[in-house]
Amino acid sequence: MENLKKIAQKKQLRKEFLQQRCTLSDSYRSYANKLVCDNLKSITKLNDCQAIAGYVSDGYEANINKFLQECLNEGKRVFLPRYDVAEDGRGNYVMVEVFNLTEQLVVGKYGILEPAKELKLLESSEYQNICFLIPGVAFDKFGGRLGRGKGFYDQMLDYGGFKIGVFFECQKSNTQQIPMEQHDQVLDLVVTESQIYEF
């Protein structure tokens, strides 16, 4: 019963924050994207890490391509999510190493760019040594994250890794703590265009 209540609360919060994120103007979004990337560059943990797992923006999430390209230029390993279907027919996201952000990405299952099929996926044993940059719908002051509801990132992060949420400031839930279910992963840091939050 408690879980059903949390699911309903998440659904309502998801609706509210998806609408809020969509109200950002293109000019502000472009300005905020630059500040997000600048803030990412200031994080010591990221500077020291040689393997970064990022994401490709859906157009409404913060765009971190500039930061990921700089990581590649510095010789760091960069991984992006790809939707793969297992032999049993079940689909899930896996992290895949990329070397070129313009030539090795194709349109994936949900219309978002992802690594091409021939690129090798990251072994689960390697996840612990990676800094993850994770998008989402909303976050709270305790490091709680609200995703799209599929649980893809929560499953991947079961293997470990340092978890950094990447959001716009308008995605912070100031009035309500995000309901957390047993499988939900708590973030270590959150980066927005105006602040870095440590939990």
Protein backbone atom coordinates (compact mmCIF):
# COMPACT_ATOMS: atom_id res chain seq x y z
CA MET A 1 0.00 0.00 0.00
CA GLU A 2 2.84 2.38 0.90
CA ASN A 3 4.56 1.66 -2.42
CA LEU A 4 1.37 2.44 -4.37
CA LYS A 5 1.17 5.77 -2.58
CA LYS A 6 4.78 6.58 -3.49
CA ILE A 7 4.18 5.62 -7.12
CA ALA A 8 1.17 7.95 -7.28
CA GLN A 9 3.17 10.79 -5.68
CA LYS A 10 6.02 10.26 -8.14
CA LYS A 11 3.61 10.34 -11.08
CA GLN A 12 2.20 13.69 -9.98
CA LEU A 13 5.65 15.18 -9.32
CA ARG A 14 6.87 13.90 -12.67
CA LYS A 15 4.02 15.65 -14.45
CA GLU A 16 4.66 18.93 -12.65
CA PHE A 17 8.42 19.02 -13.20
CA LEU A 18 8.30 17.88 -16.83
CA GLN A 19 5.97 20.79 -17.53
CA GLN A 20 8.21 23.18 -15.61
CA ARG A 21 11.32 22.11 -17.50
CA CYS A 22 9.54 22.65 -20.82
CA THR A 23 8.85 26.31 -20.00
CA LEU A 24 12.55 27.27 -20.21
CA SER A 25 13.27 29.44 -23.23
CA ASP A 26 15.81 28.31 -25.82
CA SER A 27 18.07 31.26 -25.00
CA TYR A 28 18.04 30.51 -21.27
CA ARG A 29 18.55 26.80 -21.89
CA SER A 30 21.63 27.54 -24.02
CA TYR A 31 23.00 29.90 -21.35
CA ALA A 32 22.29 27.38 -18.57
CA ASN A 33 23.91 24.52 -20.50
CA LYS A 34 27.18 26.45 -20.62
CA LEU A 35 27.06 27.14 -16.87
CA VAL A 36 26.28 23.48 -16.12
CA CYS A 37 29.34 22.40 -18.13
CA ASP A 38 31.49 25.01 -16.36
CA ASN A 39 30.33 23.73 -12.98
CA LEU A 40 31.07 20.14 -13.98
CA LYS A 41 34.64 21.18 -14.84
CA SER A 42 35.09 22.60 -11.35
CA ILE A 43 34.41 19.29 -9.56
CA THR A 44 37.65 17.71 -8.30
CA LYS A 45 36.20 14.20 -8.35
CA LEU A 46 35.41 14.55 -12.06
CA ASN A 47 38.79 16.07 -12.86
CA ASP A 48 40.53 13.13 -11.20
CA CYS A 49 38.30 10.47 -12.75
CA GLN A 50 39.53 8.89 -15.99
CA ALA A 51 36.20 7.30 -16.96
CA ILE A 52 32.98 9.32 -17.29
CA ALA A 53 29.54 7.89 -18.00
CA GLY A 54 27.34 10.62 -19.45
CA TYR A 55 24.15 10.89 -21.46
CA VAL A 56 22.77 12.62 -24.55
CA SER A 57 20.13 15.25 -23.81
CA ASP A 58 16.58 14.64 -25.00
CA GLY A 59 16.36 18.34 -25.83
CA TYR A 60 14.91 19.34 -22.48
CA GLU A 61 17.60 17.93 -20.18
CA ALA A 62 20.82 19.87 -19.61
CA ASN A 63 23.11 19.37 -22.60
CA ILE A 64 26.57 18.24 -21.46
CA ASN A 65 28.07 17.42 -24.88
CA LYS A 66 30.63 20.22 -24.55
CA PHE A 67 31.91 18.78 -21.27
CA LEU A 68 32.00 15.21 -22.66
CA GLN A 69 33.94 16.38 -25.71
CA GLU A 70 36.50 18.04 -23.46
CA CYS A 71 36.83 14.76 -21.54
CA LEU A 72 37.56 12.95 -24.81
CA ASN A 73 40.08 15.64 -25.79
CA GLU A 74 41.87 15.04 -22.48
CA GLY A 75 42.15 11.32 -23.20
CA LYS A 76 39.49 10.20 -20.75
CA ARG A 77 37.15 7.30 -21.46
CA VAL A 78 33.56 8.35 -22.13
CA PHE A 79 30.50 6.11 -21.97
CA LEU A 80 26.93 6.74 -23.08
CA PRO A 81 23.73 4.71 -22.60
CA ARG A 82 22.42 2.41 -25.35
CA TYR A 83 19.18 0.45 -25.38
CA ASP A 84 19.98 -3.25 -25.88
CA VAL A 85 17.66 -6.22 -26.14
CA ALA A 86 18.85 -9.44 -24.46
CA GLU A 87 18.36 -12.96 -25.82
CA ASP A 88 15.26 -13.38 -23.64
CA GLY A 89 13.70 -10.36 -25.39
CA ARG A 90 13.99 -8.01 -22.43
CA GLY A 91 15.29 -4.55 -23.17
CA ASN A 92 17.47 -2.44 -20.92
CA TYR A 93 20.06 0.32 -21.05
CA VAL A 94 23.78 -0.45 -20.92
CA MET A 95 26.79 1.86 -20.95
CA VAL A 96 28.90 1.83 -24.10
CA GLU A 97 32.29 3.45 -24.74
CA VAL A 98 32.37 6.12 -27.44
CA PHE A 99 35.33 7.83 -29.05
CA ASN A 100 33.56 10.33 -31.31
CA LEU A 101 30.36 12.19 -30.37
CA THR A 102 29.46 13.09 -33.95
CA GLU A 103 30.24 9.93 -35.92
CA GLN A 104 29.40 7.07 -33.55
CA LEU A 105 25.87 8.00 -32.43
CA VAL A 106 22.61 6.86 -34.04
CA VAL A 107 18.95 7.50 -33.26
CA GLY A 108 17.85 5.01 -30.57
CA LYS A 109 14.63 3.49 -29.30
CA TYR A 110 13.17 6.68 -27.80
CA GLY A 111 14.40 9.03 -30.53
CA ILE A 112 17.51 10.00 -28.55
CA LEU A 113 21.01 9.63 -29.95
CA GLU A 114 22.92 6.64 -28.56
CA PRO A 115 26.08 4.63 -29.38
CA ALA A 116 26.02 2.50 -32.52
CA LYS A 117 25.45 -1.25 -32.14
CA GLU A 118 29.02 -2.25 -33.02
CA LEU A 119 30.50 -0.37 -30.06
CA LYS A 120 31.45 -2.46 -27.05
CA LEU A 121 29.46 -2.23 -23.83
CA LEU A 122 30.99 -1.62 -20.42
CA GLU A 123 31.40 -4.67 -18.21
CA SER A 124 29.50 -4.48 -14.91
CA SER A 125 32.76 -5.07 -13.01
CA GLU A 126 34.05 -1.69 -14.29
CA TYR A 127 31.15 0.42 -13.02
CA GLN A 128 32.71 1.03 -9.60
CA ASN A 129 35.54 3.12 -11.10
CA ILE A 130 33.30 5.48 -13.04
CA CYS A 131 31.73 8.87 -12.38
CA PHE A 132 28.14 8.84 -13.63
CA LEU A 133 26.46 12.00 -14.90
CA ILE A 134 22.76 11.31 -14.54
CA PRO A 135 19.81 13.31 -15.90
CA GLY A 136 16.36 13.27 -14.36
CA VAL A 137 13.04 14.99 -13.96
CA ALA A 138 13.58 16.42 -10.45
CA PHE A 139 15.78 16.23 -7.35
CA ASP A 140 15.48 17.20 -3.68
CA LYS A 141 17.80 18.52 -0.97
CA PHE A 142 18.58 14.99 0.26
CA GLY A 143 19.94 13.69 -3.06
CA GLY A 144 16.70 12.00 -4.02
CA ARG A 145 16.19 11.77 -7.78
CA LEU A 146 13.02 11.44 -9.80
CA GLY A 147 13.60 9.78 -13.16
CA ARG A 148 11.23 8.95 -15.98
CA GLY A 149 9.85 5.94 -14.14
CA LYS A 150 11.53 3.08 -16.01
CA GLY A 151 14.29 2.51 -13.43
CA PHE A 152 17.03 2.14 -16.05
CA TYR A 153 19.63 4.20 -14.19
CA ASP A 154 18.77 2.68 -10.82
CA GLN A 155 19.49 -0.79 -12.23
CA MET A 156 22.81 0.24 -13.75
CA LEU A 157 23.93 2.02 -10.59
CA ASP A 158 23.43 -1.12 -8.51
CA TYR A 159 26.96 -2.01 -9.65
CA GLY A 160 28.45 1.09 -8.01
CA GLY A 161 30.08 4.29 -9.21
CA PHE A 162 30.03 7.93 -8.09
CA LYS A 163 26.62 9.44 -8.88
CA ILE A 164 26.31 13.06 -10.04
CA GLY A 165 22.86 14.33 -10.99
CA VAL A 166 22.71 16.97 -13.74
CA PHE A 167 19.69 19.26 -13.68
CA PHE A 168 18.45 22.78 -14.19
CA GLU A 169 17.79 24.74 -11.01
CA CYS A 170 14.05 24.79 -11.75
CA GLN A 171 14.02 21.01 -11.29
CA LYS A 172 14.77 21.23 -7.57
CA SER A 173 11.84 20.18 -5.38
CA ASN A 174 11.88 22.74 -2.58
CA THR A 175 8.55 21.87 -0.99
CA GLN A 176 8.44 18.08 -1.11
CA GLN A 177 10.90 15.27 -0.57
CA ILE A 178 10.89 12.91 -3.53
CA PRO A 179 9.33 9.57 -2.50
CA MET A 180 12.05 6.90 -2.57
CA GLU A 181 11.36 3.23 -3.21
CA GLN A 182 13.77 0.46 -2.26
CA HIS A 183 15.42 0.34 -5.70
CA ASP A 184 15.92 4.13 -5.99
CA GLN A 185 19.51 5.35 -5.92
CA VAL A 186 20.53 8.43 -3.92
CA LEU A 187 22.85 10.91 -5.66
CA ASP A 188 26.25 11.92 -4.29
CA LEU A 189 26.17 15.37 -5.92
CA VAL A 190 23.85 17.47 -8.04
CA VAL A 191 25.06 20.07 -10.52
CA THR A 192 22.83 22.83 -11.89
CA GLU A 193 23.56 26.06 -13.74
CA SER A 194 23.78 27.98 -10.47
CA GLN A 195 25.00 25.58 -7.80
CA ILE A 196 26.72 22.33 -6.83
CA TYR A 197 24.86 20.41 -4.12
CA GLU A 198 26.70 17.86 -1.98
CA PHE A 199 24.81 15.18 -0.07
